[in-house]
N, C-alpha and C. Protein backbone atom coordinates (compact mmCIF):
# COMPACT_ATOMS: atom_id res chain seq x y z
N MET A 1 0.25 -1.11 -0.01
CA MET A 1 0.13 -0.02 0.11
C MET A 1 1.08 1.40 -0.06
N SER A 2 2.24 1.16 0.58
CA SER A 2 2.89 2.14 0.16
C SER A 2 2.99 2.97 -0.74
N LEU A 3 3.36 2.04 -1.96
CA LEU A 3 3.38 2.48 -3.05
C LEU A 3 2.55 3.21 -3.49
N LEU A 4 1.19 2.96 -3.42
CA LEU A 4 0.08 3.79 -3.61
C LEU A 4 -0.15 4.94 -3.24
N GLU A 5 0.40 4.92 -1.67
CA GLU A 5 0.10 6.09 -0.51
C GLU A 5 1.15 7.18 -1.85
N ASP A 6 2.40 6.39 -2.33
CA ASP A 6 3.84 7.50 -2.44
C ASP A 6 2.92 7.76 -4.16
N ASN A 7 2.10 7.37 -4.97
CA ASN A 7 1.74 7.97 -6.03
C ASN A 7 0.81 8.89 -5.63
N SER A 8 -0.15 8.33 -4.82
CA SER A 8 -1.14 9.05 -4.60
C SER A 8 -0.36 10.90 -3.81
N SER A 9 0.46 10.45 -3.19
CA SER A 9 1.02 12.05 -2.67
C SER A 9 1.68 12.83 -3.64
N LYS A 10 2.09 12.01 -4.67
CA LYS A 10 3.05 12.87 -5.74
C LYS A 10 2.22 13.55 -6.46
N GLU A 11 0.92 12.86 -6.92
CA GLU A 11 -0.35 13.36 -7.54
C GLU A 11 -0.49 14.44 -7.12
N ASP A 12 -0.83 14.32 -5.70
CA ASP A 12 -1.36 15.77 -4.75
C ASP A 12 -0.45 16.53 -5.11
N HIS A 13 0.89 16.45 -4.87
CA HIS A 13 1.53 17.81 -5.06
C HIS A 13 1.34 18.28 -6.48
N LEU A 14 1.36 17.45 -7.10
CA LEU A 14 1.73 17.99 -8.72
C LEU A 14 0.27 18.84 -8.80
N ILE A 15 -0.89 18.34 -8.10
CA ILE A 15 -2.05 19.20 -8.18
C ILE A 15 -1.91 20.72 -7.75
N ILE A 16 -1.25 20.12 -6.95
CA ILE A 16 -1.29 21.75 -5.64
C ILE A 16 -0.43 22.37 -6.24
N ALA A 17 0.90 21.83 -7.09
CA ALA A 17 1.69 23.23 -7.53
C ALA A 17 1.43 23.53 -8.92
N ARG A 18 0.26 22.62 -9.26
CA ARG A 18 -0.50 23.62 -11.08
C ARG A 18 -1.35 24.12 -10.19
N PHE A 19 -2.27 24.06 -9.17
CA PHE A 19 -2.99 25.21 -8.81
C PHE A 19 -2.41 25.91 -8.41
N GLU A 20 -1.04 26.16 -7.35
CA GLU A 20 -0.52 27.48 -7.07
C GLU A 20 0.03 28.62 -8.50
N LYS A 21 0.50 27.86 -9.62
CA LYS A 21 0.68 28.39 -10.62
C LYS A 21 0.02 29.08 -11.39
N THR A 22 -1.74 28.35 -11.18
CA THR A 22 -2.99 29.00 -11.88
C THR A 22 -3.51 30.18 -11.06
N VAL A 23 -3.04 30.28 -9.96
CA VAL A 23 -3.73 31.08 -8.95
C VAL A 23 -2.48 32.35 -9.17
N ALA A 24 -1.11 31.95 -9.28
CA ALA A 24 -0.04 32.92 -9.15
C ALA A 24 -0.31 33.85 -10.49
N LYS A 25 -0.82 33.24 -11.89
CA LYS A 25 -1.17 33.67 -13.67
C LYS A 25 -2.48 34.44 -13.01
N LEU A 26 -3.25 33.96 -12.22
CA LEU A 26 -4.71 34.76 -11.90
C LEU A 26 -3.99 35.88 -11.24
N LEU A 27 -3.48 36.08 -10.02
CA LEU A 27 -3.28 36.97 -9.33
C LEU A 27 -2.37 38.13 -10.48
N GLU A 28 -1.64 37.54 -11.03
CA GLU A 28 -0.68 38.54 -11.77
C GLU A 28 -1.87 39.27 -13.06
N VAL A 29 -2.50 38.29 -13.63
CA VAL A 29 -3.37 39.47 -14.91
C VAL A 29 -4.19 40.14 -13.88
N HIS A 30 -4.87 39.66 -12.74
CA HIS A 30 -5.41 40.68 -11.83
C HIS A 30 -4.77 42.17 -11.55
N ALA A 31 -4.00 42.22 -11.14
CA ALA A 31 -2.71 42.87 -11.19
C ALA A 31 -2.49 44.03 -12.29
N ASN A 32 -2.60 43.31 -13.56
CA ASN A 32 -2.74 43.92 -14.43
C ASN A 32 -3.66 44.91 -15.18
N TYR A 33 -4.63 43.81 -14.56
CA TYR A 33 -5.96 44.87 -15.03
C TYR A 33 -5.97 45.87 -13.87
N GLN A 34 -5.78 45.98 -12.91
CA GLN A 34 -6.14 46.84 -11.77
C GLN A 34 -5.38 48.01 -12.19
N LYS A 35 -3.73 47.98 -12.72
CA LYS A 35 -2.96 48.91 -13.36
C LYS A 35 -3.50 49.76 -14.71
N GLN A 36 -4.32 48.74 -15.49
CA GLN A 36 -4.99 49.21 -16.82
C GLN A 36 -5.91 50.44 -16.14
N ILE A 37 -6.83 49.49 -15.22
CA ILE A 37 -8.22 50.63 -14.76
C ILE A 37 -7.47 52.21 -14.07
N VAL A 38 -6.61 52.11 -13.51
CA VAL A 38 -5.85 53.40 -13.08
C VAL A 38 -5.45 54.24 -13.76
N HIS A 39 -4.68 53.30 -14.93
CA HIS A 39 -4.10 54.62 -16.35
C HIS A 39 -5.53 54.91 -16.66
N LEU A 40 -6.74 53.97 -17.16
CA LEU A 40 -7.58 54.60 -17.94
C LEU A 40 -8.33 55.38 -16.98
N THR A 41 -8.42 55.59 -15.79
CA THR A 41 -9.19 56.65 -14.78
C THR A 41 -8.52 57.31 -14.95
N GLU A 42 -7.26 57.93 -14.56
CA GLU A 42 -6.25 58.95 -15.07
C GLU A 42 -6.34 59.43 -16.25
N GLU A 43 -6.17 58.64 -17.40
CA GLU A 43 -6.34 59.24 -18.95
C GLU A 43 -7.86 60.16 -19.22
N ASN A 44 -8.98 58.86 -18.45
CA ASN A 44 -10.24 60.09 -18.45
C ASN A 44 -10.41 60.97 -17.77
N GLN A 45 -9.68 61.43 -16.87
CA GLN A 45 -9.66 62.40 -15.92
C GLN A 45 -9.15 62.90 -16.45
N ALA A 46 -8.05 63.05 -16.87
CA ALA A 46 -7.41 64.18 -17.56
C ALA A 46 -8.38 64.82 -18.84
N LEU A 47 -8.52 63.86 -19.80
CA LEU A 47 -9.63 64.35 -20.54
C LEU A 47 -10.70 64.63 -20.62
N LYS A 48 -11.35 64.71 -19.45
CA LYS A 48 -12.68 65.46 -18.90
C LYS A 48 -11.91 66.69 -18.73
N SER A 49 -10.77 66.83 -17.99
CA SER A 49 -10.13 68.34 -17.70
C SER A 49 -9.93 68.86 -18.93
N LEU A 50 -9.53 68.33 -19.76
CA LEU A 50 -9.68 69.39 -21.12
C LEU A 50 -10.60 69.48 -21.86
N LEU A 51 -11.72 68.75 -21.37
CA LEU A 51 -12.89 69.37 -22.21
C LEU A 51 -13.40 70.39 -21.59
N GLU A 52 -13.38 70.47 -20.54
CA GLU A 52 -13.68 71.32 -19.65
C GLU A 52 -13.37 72.54 -19.68
N ALA A 53 -11.89 72.68 -20.22
CA ALA A 53 -11.10 73.51 -20.69
C ALA A 53 -11.53 74.22 -21.70
N SER A 54 -12.07 73.30 -22.74
CA SER A 54 -12.17 73.78 -23.94
C SER A 54 -13.65 74.21 -24.14
N LYS A 55 -14.62 73.83 -23.08
CA LYS A 55 -15.45 74.20 -23.35
C LYS A 55 -15.67 75.71 -22.96
N ARG A 56 -14.90 75.72 -21.95
CA ARG A 56 -14.79 77.08 -20.93
C ARG A 56 -14.03 78.25 -22.17
N ASN A 57 -12.84 77.79 -23.01
CA ASN A 57 -12.32 78.82 -24.31
C ASN A 57 -13.40 79.03 -25.21
N LEU A 58 -14.29 78.02 -25.38
CA LEU A 58 -15.58 78.28 -26.49
C LEU A 58 -16.67 79.23 -25.84
N SER A 59 -16.65 79.27 -24.84
CA SER A 59 -18.05 80.52 -24.50
C SER A 59 -17.28 82.04 -24.21
N THR A 60 -15.62 82.07 -24.32
CA THR A 60 -15.25 83.40 -24.35
C THR A 60 -15.61 84.31 -25.29
N PRO A 61 -15.94 85.24 -25.26
CA PRO A 61 -16.43 86.28 -26.52
C PRO A 61 -15.35 86.36 -27.71
N THR A 62 -14.16 86.69 -27.01
CA THR A 62 -13.17 86.71 -28.05
C THR A 62 -12.53 86.12 -29.04
N ALA A 63 -13.04 84.71 -28.69
CA ALA A 63 -12.44 83.61 -29.59
C ALA A 63 -12.92 84.02 -30.85
N ASN A 64 -11.59 83.72 -32.03
CA ASN A 64 -12.25 84.17 -33.40
C ASN A 64 -12.55 82.48 -34.30
N TYR A 65 -13.24 82.66 -35.12
CA TYR A 65 -13.74 81.46 -35.83
C TYR A 65 -12.99 80.04 -36.03
N ASP A 66 -11.66 80.59 -36.53
CA ASP A 66 -11.06 79.18 -36.68
C ASP A 66 -10.63 78.33 -35.33
N SER A 67 -10.33 79.29 -34.23
CA SER A 67 -10.19 78.60 -33.10
C SER A 67 -11.02 78.06 -32.28
N LEU A 68 -12.55 78.42 -32.96
CA LEU A 68 -14.06 77.96 -32.58
C LEU A 68 -13.74 76.52 -33.04
N ARG A 69 -13.69 76.53 -34.46
CA ARG A 69 -13.78 75.58 -35.20
C ARG A 69 -12.96 74.26 -34.77
N LEU A 70 -11.63 74.75 -34.42
CA LEU A 70 -10.91 73.80 -33.91
C LEU A 70 -11.01 73.43 -32.55
N ASP A 71 -11.39 74.10 -31.53
CA ASP A 71 -11.99 73.70 -30.17
C ASP A 71 -12.78 72.65 -30.28
N HIS A 72 -14.01 72.98 -31.58
CA HIS A 72 -14.97 71.83 -31.46
C HIS A 72 -14.67 70.54 -31.70
N HIS A 73 -13.55 70.74 -32.86
CA HIS A 73 -12.77 69.53 -33.28
C HIS A 73 -12.48 68.94 -32.08
N LEU A 74 -11.70 69.29 -31.39
CA LEU A 74 -11.17 69.19 -29.77
C LEU A 74 -11.76 68.47 -29.24
N VAL A 75 -13.47 69.03 -28.79
CA VAL A 75 -14.09 68.90 -28.09
C VAL A 75 -14.97 67.52 -28.64
N HIS A 76 -15.19 67.32 -29.80
CA HIS A 76 -15.64 66.41 -30.07
C HIS A 76 -14.56 65.14 -30.33
N GLN A 77 -13.07 65.15 -30.17
CA GLN A 77 -12.49 64.12 -29.88
C GLN A 77 -12.37 63.79 -28.95
N ILE A 78 -12.14 64.47 -27.55
CA ILE A 78 -12.35 64.29 -26.53
C ILE A 78 -12.97 63.33 -26.18
N ASN A 79 -14.64 63.82 -26.48
CA ASN A 79 -15.84 63.20 -26.08
C ASN A 79 -15.67 61.45 -26.52
N GLN A 80 -15.40 61.42 -27.83
CA GLN A 80 -15.09 60.24 -28.48
C GLN A 80 -13.84 58.85 -27.41
N TYR A 81 -12.67 59.97 -26.92
CA TYR A 81 -12.14 59.35 -26.27
C TYR A 81 -12.62 59.04 -24.64
N ILE A 82 -13.27 60.04 -24.41
CA ILE A 82 -13.91 59.88 -22.68
C ILE A 82 -15.28 58.76 -23.01
N LYS A 83 -15.76 58.33 -23.81
CA LYS A 83 -16.65 57.33 -24.29
C LYS A 83 -16.07 56.03 -24.29
N GLU A 84 -14.88 55.69 -25.41
CA GLU A 84 -14.10 54.58 -25.28
C GLU A 84 -13.98 54.21 -24.05
N ILE A 85 -13.29 55.19 -23.12
CA ILE A 85 -12.70 54.84 -21.93
C ILE A 85 -13.53 54.03 -20.82
N ASP A 86 -14.50 55.04 -20.71
CA ASP A 86 -15.67 54.53 -20.33
C ASP A 86 -16.32 53.40 -20.52
N LEU A 87 -16.30 52.58 -21.58
CA LEU A 87 -16.51 51.63 -21.99
C LEU A 87 -15.54 50.52 -21.63
N CYS A 88 -14.35 50.84 -21.80
CA CYS A 88 -13.31 50.28 -21.38
C CYS A 88 -13.01 49.90 -19.66
N LEU A 89 -13.37 51.04 -18.94
CA LEU A 89 -13.74 50.74 -17.43
C LEU A 89 -14.84 49.72 -17.02
N ALA A 90 -15.67 50.17 -17.76
CA ALA A 90 -16.95 49.76 -17.62
C ALA A 90 -17.06 48.05 -17.74
N TYR A 91 -16.43 47.58 -18.75
CA TYR A 91 -15.73 45.91 -19.20
C TYR A 91 -15.13 45.56 -18.26
N PHE A 92 -13.83 46.47 -17.56
CA PHE A 92 -13.00 46.07 -16.33
C PHE A 92 -14.11 45.80 -15.24
N GLU A 93 -14.57 46.32 -14.92
CA GLU A 93 -15.42 46.38 -13.76
C GLU A 93 -16.24 44.89 -13.95
N GLN A 94 -16.74 44.88 -15.05
CA GLN A 94 -17.34 43.24 -15.12
C GLN A 94 -16.66 42.31 -14.87
N VAL A 95 -15.35 42.05 -15.36
CA VAL A 95 -14.43 41.31 -15.16
C VAL A 95 -13.96 41.09 -13.83
């Protein structure tokens, strides 16, 4: 019976080692997701700040037509980035 117990013990150790390796991988992936979430959140905040600054610039009466058109394009582009980042953050929160 000791031979069977040795085999069982070896199998148990292999299973435990595989489990530990899988858990370590999952923790690494989770840490990477957390870093991405932090980065995207910071980027989202920066873009929202730029958008607010651009909106303030659009509302000034001294702005000329070319800068208004350029600012409008910038506002649209920032809005698109914010939407994409919000979607990514929502996805990461689901995962």
